[in-house]
Amino acid sequence: MKQITLAFIVLFLAYSCKKDGRVKDAPELPPVETMVVNFGELTNPEKSVSMVKTNWFYSAATVGIWNTIIGTTFAVPVAAFTSAFKYQATKTDDLVWQWEYTVDGFTSQYTARLVGTLQSNQVKWEMYITKTGINPFDEFLWFEGTSNLDGNSGQWILYHSAAFQEKAVQIDWVRESGEIGEIKYTYVRELNDQRITDPFNGSTLTYGLQEGDFDIYVNVHAFDFQSQMFYDTYIEWNRTIYNGHVKAEQFFEDTDWHCWDSQGDDTDCN
């Protein structure tokens, strides 16, 4: 009943917008953190790599694989989404808004067109990107998604590239008390660039908040190219003190937790 009432209110506000194209109540953009998780100290490049940081380093490397996927393959669409917050939307149709702008931070020129369509109980998002200059490409849908009207849950689908316009990563997210409570990345690309089955398909990373001394957790289920098998890794750490522990049978050859202190050095687990 509450969802129906909320949907009615939003629909009413949408229809009450000015008729000159200026928006009074465009749908609120989901936070950038719904697409890119801040892993904090776990991916701090200033931490030195040494024999006494094995536990922290293995955890950082495991998470770093996903940071690379999002931060390099999808650098442009992520930057395009981040840039959207600087601009005002224009109403283009009943219940449809559009943000259109040039993406910051690249030598080539990328033009972004983000469309938000208000539906009965959610907002539908579509990000179209065009490139001019070197290796240009026509506008294509680089990612799409939905967010519930309360802004506390949603999903993104990222497509691989202009050359391979196919689903690559699915992101499911939930917000709690104004911050990301849980976010799950799933690699869904079926074929790689060579057009053969992508073995990383089905790999996942789940990040979330929890109670206790280690208030952040990351669970990874991923394909290992060296062994040609899927393995599970469990990581937990404290986002204030930065100490944590990791469990990875395929690496440590046991099922124990392996700990590090606030400096990232290996330490005995209490």
C-alpha atoms as a PDB file:
ATOM      1  CA  MET A   1       0.000   0.000   0.000  1.00  0.00           C
ATOM      2  CA  LYS A   2       2.846   2.393   0.856  1.00  0.00           C
ATOM      3  CA  GLN A   3       4.518   1.689  -2.512  1.00  0.00           C
ATOM      4  CA  ILE A   4       1.275   2.435  -4.381  1.00  0.00           C
ATOM      5  CA  THR A   5       0.818   5.707  -2.475  1.00  0.00           C
ATOM      6  CA  LEU A   6       4.410   6.762  -3.084  1.00  0.00           C
ATOM      7  CA  ALA A   7       4.166   5.938  -6.773  1.00  0.00           C
ATOM      8  CA  PHE A   8       1.001   8.041  -7.075  1.00  0.00           C
ATOM      9  CA  ILE A   9       2.676  11.020  -5.382  1.00  0.00           C
ATOM     10  CA  VAL A  10       5.698  10.873  -7.674  1.00  0.00           C
ATOM     11  CA  LEU A  11       3.529  10.513 -10.767  1.00  0.00           C
ATOM     12  CA  PHE A  12       1.459  13.500  -9.671  1.00  0.00           C
ATOM     13  CA  LEU A  13       4.569  15.625  -9.168  1.00  0.00           C
ATOM     14  CA  ALA A  14       5.901  14.577 -12.549  1.00  0.00           C
ATOM     15  CA  TYR A  15       2.743  15.675 -14.327  1.00  0.00           C
ATOM     16  CA  SER A  16       2.854  18.964 -12.395  1.00  0.00           C
ATOM     17  CA  CYS A  17       6.200  20.041 -13.892  1.00  0.00           C
ATOM     18  CA  LYS A  18       6.386  23.266 -15.877  1.00  0.00           C
ATOM     19  CA  LYS A  19       5.504  22.967 -19.537  1.00  0.00           C
ATOM     20  CA  ASP A  20       8.522  24.944 -20.748  1.00  0.00           C
ATOM     21  CA  GLY A  21      10.901  22.001 -20.454  1.00  0.00           C
ATOM     22  CA  ARG A  22      12.451  23.118 -17.151  1.00  0.00           C
ATOM     23  CA  VAL A  23      12.293  20.440 -14.499  1.00  0.00           C
ATOM     24  CA  LYS A  24      10.844  20.963 -11.057  1.00  0.00           C
ATOM     25  CA  ASP A  25      11.195  17.361  -9.886  1.00  0.00           C
ATOM     26  CA  ALA A  26      13.429  15.213 -12.066  1.00  0.00           C
ATOM     27  CA  PRO A  27      14.080  11.732 -10.674  1.00  0.00           C
ATOM     28  CA  GLU A  28      17.008  11.624  -8.272  1.00  0.00           C
ATOM     29  CA  LEU A  29      20.164  10.032  -9.649  1.00  0.00           C
ATOM     30  CA  PRO A  30      21.377   6.965  -7.720  1.00  0.00           C
ATOM     31  CA  PRO A  31      24.674   7.612  -5.890  1.00  0.00           C
ATOM     32  CA  VAL A  32      27.917   6.923  -7.771  1.00  0.00           C
ATOM     33  CA  GLU A  33      28.690   4.326  -5.091  1.00  0.00           C
ATOM     34  CA  THR A  34      25.937   2.126  -6.529  1.00  0.00           C
ATOM     35  CA  MET A  35      28.238   1.545  -9.497  1.00  0.00           C
ATOM     36  CA  VAL A  36      31.746   1.891  -8.033  1.00  0.00           C
ATOM     37  CA  VAL A  37      32.487   0.670  -4.496  1.00  0.00           C
ATOM     38  CA  ASN A  38      35.078   2.525  -2.438  1.00  0.00           C
ATOM     39  CA  PHE A  39      37.184  -0.289  -0.939  1.00  0.00           C
ATOM     40  CA  GLY A  40      39.219   2.216   1.068  1.00  0.00           C
ATOM     41  CA  GLU A  41      42.479   0.975   2.564  1.00  0.00           C
ATOM     42  CA  LEU A  42      42.087  -2.427   0.944  1.00  0.00           C
ATOM     43  CA  THR A  43      43.154  -0.920  -2.377  1.00  0.00           C
ATOM     44  CA  ASN A  44      45.539   1.752  -1.064  1.00  0.00           C
ATOM     45  CA  PRO A  45      48.501   1.776  -3.519  1.00  0.00           C
ATOM     46  CA  GLU A  46      50.711   3.499  -0.931  1.00  0.00           C
ATOM     47  CA  LYS A  47      50.919   0.356   1.176  1.00  0.00           C
ATOM     48  CA  SER A  48      54.243  -1.311   0.390  1.00  0.00           C
ATOM     49  CA  VAL A  49      54.230  -4.906  -0.825  1.00  0.00           C
ATOM     50  CA  SER A  50      56.402  -7.115   1.341  1.00  0.00           C
ATOM     51  CA  MET A  51      56.620 -10.622   2.709  1.00  0.00           C
ATOM     52  CA  VAL A  52      54.980  -9.451   5.941  1.00  0.00           C
ATOM     53  CA  LYS A  53      51.886  -8.218   4.121  1.00  0.00           C
ATOM     54  CA  THR A  54      50.880 -11.456   2.429  1.00  0.00           C
ATOM     55  CA  ASN A  55      47.373 -11.617   3.917  1.00  0.00           C
ATOM     56  CA  TRP A  56      46.513  -7.992   3.143  1.00  0.00           C
ATOM     57  CA  PHE A  57      48.131  -8.114  -0.294  1.00  0.00           C
ATOM     58  CA  TYR A  58      46.249 -11.242  -1.359  1.00  0.00           C
ATOM     59  CA  SER A  59      42.984  -9.599  -0.276  1.00  0.00           C
ATOM     60  CA  ALA A  60      43.839  -6.378  -2.113  1.00  0.00           C
ATOM     61  CA  ALA A  61      44.793  -8.282  -5.273  1.00  0.00           C
ATOM     62  CA  THR A  62      41.535 -10.260  -5.194  1.00  0.00           C
ATOM     63  CA  VAL A  63      39.455  -7.094  -4.936  1.00  0.00           C
ATOM     64  CA  GLY A  64      41.726  -5.344  -7.435  1.00  0.00           C
ATOM     65  CA  ILE A  65      40.592  -7.635 -10.249  1.00  0.00           C
ATOM     66  CA  TRP A  66      37.111  -6.157 -10.004  1.00  0.00           C
ATOM     67  CA  ASN A  67      38.460  -2.637  -9.610  1.00  0.00           C
ATOM     68  CA  THR A  68      40.308  -3.172 -12.887  1.00  0.00           C
ATOM     69  CA  ILE A  69      37.206  -4.424 -14.694  1.00  0.00           C
ATOM     70  CA  ILE A  70      35.139  -1.440 -13.591  1.00  0.00           C
ATOM     71  CA  GLY A  71      37.926   1.150 -13.619  1.00  0.00           C
ATOM     72  CA  THR A  72      39.401   0.372 -17.058  1.00  0.00           C
ATOM     73  CA  THR A  73      36.873  -1.425 -19.267  1.00  0.00           C
ATOM     74  CA  PHE A  74      34.097   0.837 -18.020  1.00  0.00           C
ATOM     75  CA  ALA A  75      36.091   3.996 -17.317  1.00  0.00           C
ATOM     76  CA  VAL A  76      34.088   6.042 -19.830  1.00  0.00           C
ATOM     77  CA  PRO A  77      30.538   5.085 -18.751  1.00  0.00           C
ATOM     78  CA  VAL A  78      31.487   5.416 -15.069  1.00  0.00           C
ATOM     79  CA  ALA A  79      32.945   8.879 -15.735  1.00  0.00           C
ATOM     80  CA  ALA A  80      29.846   9.744 -17.762  1.00  0.00           C
ATOM     81  CA  PHE A  81      27.580   8.774 -14.885  1.00  0.00           C
ATOM     82  CA  THR A  82      29.727  10.705 -12.393  1.00  0.00           C
ATOM     83  CA  SER A  83      29.570  13.811 -14.612  1.00  0.00           C
ATOM     84  CA  ALA A  84      25.771  13.724 -14.740  1.00  0.00           C
ATOM     85  CA  PHE A  85      25.536  15.170 -11.226  1.00  0.00           C
ATOM     86  CA  LYS A  86      26.931  18.488 -12.506  1.00  0.00           C
ATOM     87  CA  TYR A  87      24.078  19.068 -14.929  1.00  0.00           C
ATOM     88  CA  GLN A  88      20.369  19.781 -14.851  1.00  0.00           C
ATOM     89  CA  ALA A  89      17.922  17.472 -16.543  1.00  0.00           C
ATOM     90  CA  THR A  90      15.411  18.571 -19.148  1.00  0.00           C
ATOM     91  CA  LYS A  91      11.958  17.093 -19.409  1.00  0.00           C
ATOM     92  CA  THR A  92      11.532  15.603 -22.897  1.00  0.00           C
ATOM     93  CA  ASP A  93       8.190  13.861 -22.512  1.00  0.00           C
ATOM     94  CA  ASP A  94       5.666  12.925 -19.859  1.00  0.00           C
ATOM     95  CA  LEU A  95       7.660  11.163 -17.114  1.00  0.00           C
ATOM     96  CA  VAL A  96      10.904  11.283 -19.145  1.00  0.00           C
ATOM     97  CA  TRP A  97      13.968  13.399 -18.325  1.00  0.00           C
ATOM     98  CA  GLN A  98      17.291  13.725 -20.079  1.00  0.00           C
ATOM     99  CA  TRP A  99      20.794  14.829 -19.084  1.00  0.00           C
ATOM    100  CA  GLU A 100      23.036  15.623 -22.080  1.00  0.00           C
ATOM    101  CA  TYR A 101      26.665  16.762 -21.772  1.00  0.00           C
ATOM    102  CA  THR A 102      30.313  16.188 -22.676  1.00  0.00           C
ATOM    103  CA  VAL A 103      32.169  13.736 -20.439  1.00  0.00           C
ATOM    104  CA  ASP A 104      35.067  15.207 -18.473  1.00  0.00           C
ATOM    105  CA  GLY A 105      38.578  13.805 -18.167  1.00  0.00           C
ATOM    106  CA  PHE A 106      39.342  12.304 -21.599  1.00  0.00           C
ATOM    107  CA  THR A 107      41.443  13.486 -24.533  1.00  0.00           C
ATOM    108  CA  SER A 108      38.843  12.191 -26.983  1.00  0.00           C
ATOM    109  CA  GLN A 109      35.393  13.730 -26.861  1.00  0.00           C
ATOM    110  CA  TYR A 110      32.601  11.617 -25.471  1.00  0.00           C
ATOM    111  CA  THR A 111      29.048  12.886 -25.397  1.00  0.00           C
ATOM    112  CA  ALA A 112      26.672  11.372 -22.877  1.00  0.00           C
ATOM    113  CA  ARG A 113      22.895  11.254 -22.967  1.00  0.00           C
ATOM    114  CA  LEU A 114      21.371   9.896 -19.766  1.00  0.00           C
ATOM    115  CA  VAL A 115      17.640   9.205 -19.883  1.00  0.00           C
ATOM    116  CA  GLY A 116      15.510   8.695 -16.790  1.00  0.00           C
ATOM    117  CA  THR A 117      11.974   7.382 -17.274  1.00  0.00           C
ATOM    118  CA  LEU A 118       9.590   7.320 -14.344  1.00  0.00           C
ATOM    119  CA  GLN A 119       7.637   4.065 -14.172  1.00  0.00           C
ATOM    120  CA  SER A 120       4.977   2.848 -11.756  1.00  0.00           C
ATOM    121  CA  ASN A 121       7.335   1.811  -8.953  1.00  0.00           C
ATOM    122  CA  GLN A 122      10.831   2.600 -10.227  1.00  0.00           C
ATOM    123  CA  VAL A 123      12.978   4.792 -12.471  1.00  0.00           C
ATOM    124  CA  LYS A 124      14.396   3.298 -15.661  1.00  0.00           C
ATOM    125  CA  TRP A 125      17.891   4.600 -16.527  1.00  0.00           C
ATOM    126  CA  GLU A 126      19.628   4.479 -19.926  1.00  0.00           C
ATOM    127  CA  MET A 127      23.072   5.904 -20.675  1.00  0.00           C
ATOM    128  CA  TYR A 128      23.936   6.494 -24.344  1.00  0.00           C
ATOM    129  CA  ILE A 129      27.520   7.430 -25.313  1.00  0.00           C
ATOM    130  CA  THR A 130      28.909   8.862 -28.562  1.00  0.00           C
ATOM    131  CA  LYS A 131      32.601   9.318 -29.382  1.00  0.00           C
ATOM    132  CA  THR A 132      34.177  11.711 -31.873  1.00  0.00           C
ATOM    133  CA  GLY A 133      37.832  12.060 -32.898  1.00  0.00           C
ATOM    134  CA  ILE A 134      40.135   9.008 -32.937  1.00  0.00           C
ATOM    135  CA  ASN A 135      38.300   5.694 -33.358  1.00  0.00           C
ATOM    136  CA  PRO A 136      34.880   7.314 -33.192  1.00  0.00           C
ATOM    137  CA  PHE A 137      31.653   5.431 -32.714  1.00  0.00           C
ATOM    138  CA  ASP A 138      27.982   6.242 -33.040  1.00  0.00           C
ATOM    139  CA  GLU A 139      25.722   6.530 -30.043  1.00  0.00           C
ATOM    140  CA  PHE A 140      25.000   3.244 -28.299  1.00  0.00           C
ATOM    141  CA  LEU A 141      23.545   2.100 -25.000  1.00  0.00           C
ATOM    142  CA  TRP A 142      26.586   1.593 -22.707  1.00  0.00           C
ATOM    143  CA  PHE A 143      24.634   0.879 -19.537  1.00  0.00           C
ATOM    144  CA  GLU A 144      21.085   0.779 -18.255  1.00  0.00           C
ATOM    145  CA  GLY A 145      19.396   0.094 -14.961  1.00  0.00           C
ATOM    146  CA  THR A 146      16.565   0.686 -12.552  1.00  0.00           C
ATOM    147  CA  SER A 147      16.230   2.218  -9.107  1.00  0.00           C
ATOM    148  CA  ASN A 148      13.263   1.982  -6.778  1.00  0.00           C
ATOM    149  CA  LEU A 149      11.383   5.185  -6.046  1.00  0.00           C
ATOM    150  CA  ASP A 150      12.755   5.344  -2.502  1.00  0.00           C
ATOM    151  CA  GLY A 151      16.306   5.231  -3.886  1.00  0.00           C
ATOM    152  CA  ASN A 152      17.296   2.325  -1.647  1.00  0.00           C
ATOM    153  CA  SER A 153      17.747  -0.472  -4.169  1.00  0.00           C
ATOM    154  CA  GLY A 154      18.368  -1.014  -7.840  1.00  0.00           C
ATOM    155  CA  GLN A 155      20.363  -2.681 -10.575  1.00  0.00           C
ATOM    156  CA  TRP A 156      22.798  -1.712 -13.325  1.00  0.00           C
ATOM    157  CA  ILE A 157      23.629  -3.606 -16.512  1.00  0.00           C
ATOM    158  CA  LEU A 158      26.915  -2.557 -18.158  1.00  0.00           C
ATOM    159  CA  TYR A 159      27.492  -3.437 -21.803  1.00  0.00           C
ATOM    160  CA  HIS A 160      31.043  -4.254 -22.846  1.00  0.00           C
ATOM    161  CA  SER A 161      31.865  -1.669 -25.541  1.00  0.00           C
ATOM    162  CA  ALA A 162      30.825  -0.103 -28.815  1.00  0.00           C
ATOM    163  CA  ALA A 163      32.521  -3.006 -30.610  1.00  0.00           C
ATOM    164  CA  PHE A 164      30.811  -5.656 -28.458  1.00  0.00           C
ATOM    165  CA  GLN A 165      27.428  -4.307 -27.449  1.00  0.00           C
ATOM    166  CA  GLU A 166      26.610  -7.181 -25.122  1.00  0.00           C
ATOM    167  CA  LYS A 167      25.948  -7.515 -21.409  1.00  0.00           C
ATOM    168  CA  ALA A 168      29.162  -7.772 -19.408  1.00  0.00           C
ATOM    169  CA  VAL A 169      28.526  -6.881 -15.745  1.00  0.00           C
ATOM    170  CA  GLN A 170      25.380  -6.827 -13.644  1.00  0.00           C
ATOM    171  CA  ILE A 171      25.386  -4.773 -10.438  1.00  0.00           C
ATOM    172  CA  ASP A 172      22.696  -5.254  -7.782  1.00  0.00           C
ATOM    173  CA  TRP A 173      22.733  -2.766  -4.913  1.00  0.00           C
ATOM    174  CA  VAL A 174      20.930  -1.939  -1.677  1.00  0.00           C
ATOM    175  CA  ARG A 175      21.282   1.193   0.447  1.00  0.00           C
ATOM    176  CA  GLU A 176      20.830   1.246   4.209  1.00  0.00           C
ATOM    177  CA  SER A 177      20.759   4.438   6.297  1.00  0.00           C
ATOM    178  CA  GLY A 178      22.057   6.486   3.375  1.00  0.00           C
ATOM    179  CA  GLU A 179      25.040   4.283   2.463  1.00  0.00           C
ATOM    180  CA  ILE A 180      25.608   1.134   0.465  1.00  0.00           C
ATOM    181  CA  GLY A 181      24.517  -1.803   2.603  1.00  0.00           C
ATOM    182  CA  GLU A 182      25.303  -4.422  -0.016  1.00  0.00           C
ATOM    183  CA  ILE A 183      26.389  -4.444  -3.638  1.00  0.00           C
ATOM    184  CA  LYS A 184      26.954  -7.481  -5.823  1.00  0.00           C
ATOM    185  CA  TYR A 185      28.891  -7.564  -9.093  1.00  0.00           C
ATOM    186  CA  THR A 186      28.179 -10.467 -11.433  1.00  0.00           C
ATOM    187  CA  TYR A 187      30.222 -11.020 -14.591  1.00  0.00           C
ATOM    188  CA  VAL A 188      27.653 -12.064 -17.200  1.00  0.00           C
ATOM    189  CA  ARG A 189      29.551 -11.797 -20.492  1.00  0.00           C
ATOM    190  CA  GLU A 190      29.122 -15.059 -22.364  1.00  0.00           C
ATOM    191  CA  LEU A 191      31.786 -14.677 -25.109  1.00  0.00           C
ATOM    192  CA  ASN A 192      35.161 -12.947 -24.942  1.00  0.00           C
ATOM    193  CA  ASP A 193      36.719 -10.776 -27.655  1.00  0.00           C
ATOM    194  CA  GLN A 194      37.862 -13.882 -29.541  1.00  0.00           C
ATOM    195  CA  ARG A 195      34.210 -15.014 -29.646  1.00  0.00           C
ATOM    196  CA  ILE A 196      34.767 -18.105 -27.518  1.00  0.00           C
ATOM    197  CA  THR A 197      33.105 -18.886 -24.198  1.00  0.00           C
ATOM    198  CA  ASP A 198      34.293 -16.464 -21.517  1.00  0.00           C
ATOM    199  CA  PRO A 199      35.357 -18.631 -18.564  1.00  0.00           C
ATOM    200  CA  PHE A 200      34.986 -15.706 -16.123  1.00  0.00           C
ATOM    201  CA  ASN A 201      31.224 -15.756 -16.727  1.00  0.00           C
ATOM    202  CA  GLY A 202      29.414 -16.394 -13.436  1.00  0.00           C
ATOM    203  CA  SER A 203      32.138 -14.854 -11.273  1.00  0.00           C
ATOM    204  CA  THR A 204      30.801 -12.622  -8.489  1.00  0.00           C
ATOM    205  CA  LEU A 205      31.955 -10.167  -5.853  1.00  0.00           C
ATOM    206  CA  THR A 206      29.657  -9.176  -2.996  1.00  0.00           C
ATOM    207  CA  TYR A 207      30.507  -6.232  -0.740  1.00  0.00           C
ATOM    208  CA  GLY A 208      28.504  -5.316   2.335  1.00  0.00           C
ATOM    209  CA  LEU A 209      28.307  -3.875   5.825  1.00  0.00           C
ATOM    210  CA  GLN A 210      27.874  -5.970   8.941  1.00  0.00           C
ATOM    211  CA  GLU A 211      27.986  -5.712  12.727  1.00  0.00           C
ATOM    212  CA  GLY A 212      31.119  -6.529  14.721  1.00  0.00           C
ATOM    213  CA  ASP A 213      34.808  -5.635  14.784  1.00  0.00           C
ATOM    214  CA  PHE A 214      35.113  -6.372  11.079  1.00  0.00           C
ATOM    215  CA  ASP A 215      32.274  -4.217   9.770  1.00  0.00           C
ATOM    216  CA  ILE A 216      32.913  -4.726   6.043  1.00  0.00           C
ATOM    217  CA  TYR A 217      32.884  -8.019   4.189  1.00  0.00           C
ATOM    218  CA  VAL A 218      33.728  -9.063   0.645  1.00  0.00           C
ATOM    219  CA  ASN A 219      32.850 -12.504  -0.685  1.00  0.00           C
ATOM    220  CA  VAL A 220      34.375 -13.463  -4.034  1.00  0.00           C
ATOM    221  CA  HIS A 221      33.445 -16.409  -6.223  1.00  0.00           C
ATOM    222  CA  ALA A 222      35.665 -16.236  -9.273  1.00  0.00           C
ATOM    223  CA  PHE A 223      37.237 -18.266 -12.031  1.00  0.00           C
ATOM    224  CA  ASP A 224      40.988 -18.783 -11.660  1.00  0.00           C
ATOM    225  CA  PHE A 225      42.660 -18.859 -15.080  1.00  0.00           C
ATOM    226  CA  GLN A 226      45.735 -20.712 -13.826  1.00  0.00           C
ATOM    227  CA  SER A 227      43.892 -23.667 -12.271  1.00  0.00           C
ATOM    228  CA  GLN A 228      40.866 -23.379 -14.595  1.00  0.00           C
ATOM    229  CA  MET A 229      38.553 -23.666 -11.575  1.00  0.00           C
ATOM    230  CA  PHE A 230      36.192 -21.472  -9.557  1.00  0.00           C
ATOM    231  CA  TYR A 231      37.311 -20.573  -6.032  1.00  0.00           C
ATOM    232  CA  ASP A 232      35.807 -18.726  -3.093  1.00  0.00           C
ATOM    233  CA  THR A 233      37.531 -16.029  -1.043  1.00  0.00           C
ATOM    234  CA  TYR A 234      36.133 -14.398   2.108  1.00  0.00           C
ATOM    235  CA  ILE A 235      37.514 -11.075   3.316  1.00  0.00           C
ATOM    236  CA  GLU A 236      36.502  -8.966   6.321  1.00  0.00           C
ATOM    237  CA  TRP A 237      38.067  -5.786   7.696  1.00  0.00           C
ATOM    238  CA  ASN A 238      37.463  -2.758   9.888  1.00  0.00           C
ATOM    239  CA  ARG A 239      36.903   0.422   7.901  1.00  0.00           C
ATOM    240  CA  THR A 240      38.207   2.640  10.709  1.00  0.00           C
ATOM    241  CA  ILE A 241      41.237   0.754  12.020  1.00  0.00           C
ATOM    242  CA  TYR A 242      41.898  -1.081   8.706  1.00  0.00           C
ATOM    243  CA  ASN A 243      42.823  -4.431  10.252  1.00  0.00           C
ATOM    244  CA  GLY A 244      41.186  -7.536   8.829  1.00  0.00           C
ATOM    245  CA  HIS A 245      41.397 -11.175   7.856  1.00  0.00           C
ATOM    246  CA  VAL A 246      40.987 -13.407   4.821  1.00  0.00           C
ATOM    247  CA  LYS A 247      39.988 -17.007   4.193  1.00  0.00           C
ATOM    248  CA  ALA A 248      40.985 -18.598   0.870  1.00  0.00           C
ATOM    249  CA  GLU A 249      41.586 -22.334   0.803  1.00  0.00           C
ATOM    250  CA  GLN A 250      42.981 -22.285  -2.734  1.00  0.00           C
ATOM    251  CA  PHE A 251      45.758 -19.867  -1.705  1.00  0.00           C
ATOM    252  CA  PHE A 252      46.525 -20.679   1.935  1.00  0.00           C
ATOM    253  CA  GLU A 253      45.778 -24.419   1.601  1.00  0.00           C
ATOM    254  CA  ASP A 254      43.628 -24.419   4.736  1.00  0.00           C
ATOM    255  CA  THR A 255      40.236 -23.159   5.886  1.00  0.00           C
ATOM    256  CA  ASP A 256      41.566 -20.805   8.590  1.00  0.00           C
ATOM    257  CA  TRP A 257      41.336 -17.042   8.808  1.00  0.00           C
ATOM    258  CA  HIS A 258      44.611 -15.224   8.068  1.00  0.00           C
ATOM    259  CA  CYS A 259      44.890 -11.782   9.677  1.00  0.00           C
ATOM    260  CA  TRP A 260      46.617  -8.438   9.147  1.00  0.00           C
ATOM    261  CA  ASP A 261      46.970  -5.454  11.477  1.00  0.00           C
ATOM    262  CA  SER A 262      46.189  -1.774  10.931  1.00  0.00           C
ATOM    263  CA  GLN A 263      49.480  -1.361   9.019  1.00  0.00           C
ATOM    264  CA  GLY A 264      48.700  -4.269   6.702  1.00  0.00           C
ATOM    265  CA  ASP A 265      51.317  -6.549   8.278  1.00  0.00           C
ATOM    266  CA  ASP A 266      50.533 -10.206   8.880  1.00  0.00           C
ATOM    267  CA  THR A 267      49.568 -10.990  12.459  1.00  0.00           C
ATOM    268  CA  ASP A 268      48.229 -13.883  14.472  1.00  0.00           C
ATOM    269  CA  CYS A 269      44.459 -14.177  14.579  1.00  0.00           C
ATOM    270  CA  ASN A 270      43.042 -13.991  18.107  1.00  0.00           C
END
